[in-house]
């Protein structure tokens, strides 16, 4: 997965980043150490923004609705737009997240997240 040309992440059930592709590290502004530190997705230093002209930071209840988090909570395929600030530039992504299972467990053990940049990169 880390060698994937796609911008993708693998999250554990507790939202820790287990694996991250080079493309995802670049678009999210992560250094290579993120794969070793395994921070939680929402605590990895990404500044998540709303879609207003003021681009205000998201509050906790809004963060819980991001596709990577929702896929773990609903145990279903989730898709949403996500806006972040990266080096002073606002970037928008179309995000698709799929829960991952490991039988015999019924609950998701993680999620696979794909990030598709929208607009100029």
Protein backbone atom coordinates (compact mmCIF):
# COMPACT_ATOMS: atom_id res chain seq x y z
CA UNK A 1 0.00 0.00 0.00
CA UNK A 2 2.77 2.45 0.81
CA UNK A 3 4.00 2.05 -2.77
CA UNK A 4 0.56 2.83 -4.24
CA UNK A 5 0.42 5.64 -6.80
CA UNK A 6 -2.98 6.58 -5.34
CA UNK A 7 -3.33 8.91 -2.38
CA UNK A 8 -4.57 6.42 0.21
CA UNK A 9 -4.42 5.63 3.91
CA UNK A 10 -5.07 2.56 6.01
CA UNK A 11 -6.63 3.35 9.38
CA UNK A 12 -6.98 1.00 12.34
CA UNK A 13 -10.29 0.75 14.22
CA UNK A 14 -9.07 3.44 16.66
CA UNK A 15 -8.33 5.75 13.64
CA UNK A 16 -4.55 5.38 13.95
CA UNK A 17 -2.76 5.69 10.62
CA UNK A 18 -1.32 2.23 10.01
CA UNK A 19 -0.07 2.82 6.46
CA UNK A 20 0.05 5.80 4.13
CA UNK A 21 1.03 6.04 0.48
CA UNK A 22 3.66 8.50 -0.65
CA UNK A 23 1.00 10.36 -2.68
CA UNK A 24 -1.17 10.76 0.43
CA UNK A 25 1.80 11.99 2.47
CA UNK A 26 2.46 14.64 -0.17
CA UNK A 27 -1.11 15.94 -0.51
CA UNK A 28 -1.71 15.93 3.26
CA UNK A 29 1.67 17.40 4.15
CA UNK A 30 2.89 14.43 6.20
CA UNK A 31 6.53 13.54 6.61
CA UNK A 32 7.72 9.94 6.22
CA UNK A 33 7.70 9.51 10.01
CA UNK A 34 3.87 9.41 10.10
CA UNK A 35 3.92 5.70 9.22
CA UNK A 36 6.11 5.00 12.28
CA UNK A 37 4.45 7.40 14.75
CA UNK A 38 0.98 6.10 13.79
CA UNK A 39 -0.97 9.15 15.02
CA UNK A 40 -4.75 9.15 15.03
CA UNK A 41 -6.10 10.54 11.76
CA UNK A 42 -7.76 13.56 13.41
CA UNK A 43 -4.64 14.26 15.52
CA UNK A 44 -2.05 13.98 12.74
CA UNK A 45 -1.57 17.72 12.30
CA UNK A 46 -4.10 18.22 9.52
CA UNK A 47 -6.15 21.40 9.81
CA UNK A 48 -9.68 20.47 8.69
CA UNK A 49 -11.79 23.39 7.46
CA UNK A 50 -15.44 24.03 6.70
CA UNK A 51 -16.63 25.14 3.28
CA UNK A 52 -17.55 28.71 4.23
CA UNK A 53 -15.71 31.68 2.78
CA UNK A 54 -14.03 32.12 6.17
CA UNK A 55 -12.68 28.54 6.10
CA UNK A 56 -13.19 27.99 9.83
CA UNK A 57 -11.73 24.92 11.57
CA UNK A 58 -14.21 22.08 12.00
CA UNK A 59 -15.58 21.39 15.46
CA UNK A 60 -15.59 17.90 16.97
CA UNK A 61 -19.12 17.04 15.84
CA UNK A 62 -18.20 17.96 12.25
CA UNK A 63 -14.94 15.99 12.37
CA UNK A 64 -16.92 12.88 13.28
CA UNK A 65 -18.75 13.17 9.94
CA UNK A 66 -15.61 12.91 7.79
CA UNK A 67 -15.70 9.76 5.63
CA UNK A 68 -12.65 8.05 7.24
CA UNK A 69 -14.25 8.30 10.69
CA UNK A 70 -17.78 7.53 9.49
CA UNK A 71 -16.71 4.31 7.74
CA UNK A 72 -15.55 2.97 11.10
CA UNK A 73 -18.66 4.12 12.94
CA UNK A 74 -21.30 3.04 10.39
CA UNK A 75 -19.44 -0.02 9.11
CA UNK A 76 -20.38 1.03 5.59
CA UNK A 77 -18.84 2.66 2.54
CA UNK A 78 -18.67 6.41 3.10
CA UNK A 79 -17.93 9.34 0.83
CA UNK A 80 -17.55 13.03 1.61
CA UNK A 81 -15.71 16.16 0.67
CA UNK A 82 -12.88 17.21 2.94
CA UNK A 83 -11.18 20.61 2.98
CA UNK A 84 -7.82 21.09 4.65
CA UNK A 85 -5.19 23.77 4.96
CA UNK A 86 -1.76 22.71 3.74
CA UNK A 87 1.10 25.23 3.90
CA UNK A 88 -1.36 28.12 3.91
CA UNK A 89 -3.27 26.79 0.89
CA UNK A 90 -6.78 25.39 1.12
CA UNK A 91 -7.21 22.03 -0.63
CA UNK A 92 -10.36 20.03 -1.22
CA UNK A 93 -10.58 16.26 -1.59
CA UNK A 94 -13.26 13.83 -2.63
CA UNK A 95 -12.78 11.13 0.01
CA UNK A 96 -13.99 7.54 -0.18
CA UNK A 97 -13.58 5.25 2.82
CA UNK A 98 -14.37 1.55 3.02
CA UNK A 99 -14.51 -0.42 6.26
CA UNK A 100 -12.26 -3.48 6.50
CA UNK A 101 -13.25 -6.71 8.23
CA UNK A 102 -11.41 -9.69 9.63
CA UNK A 103 -13.73 -12.66 10.16
CA UNK A 104 -15.08 -13.78 12.54
CA UNK A 105 -15.29 -10.19 13.87
CA UNK A 106 -18.37 -8.38 12.68
CA UNK A 107 -17.21 -4.85 13.44
CA UNK A 108 -14.76 -3.03 11.21
CA UNK A 109 -11.11 -3.53 12.14
CA UNK A 110 -10.05 -0.55 10.07
CA UNK A 111 -10.78 1.45 6.95
CA UNK A 112 -9.16 2.02 3.60
CA UNK A 113 -9.32 5.67 2.57
CA UNK A 114 -8.78 7.14 -0.89
CA UNK A 115 -8.22 10.87 -1.40
CA UNK A 116 -8.90 12.46 -4.77
CA UNK A 117 -7.78 16.12 -4.96
CA UNK A 118 -10.33 18.49 -6.47
CA UNK A 119 -8.98 21.52 -8.30
CA UNK A 120 -5.37 22.63 -8.69
CA UNK A 121 -2.74 20.72 -6.74
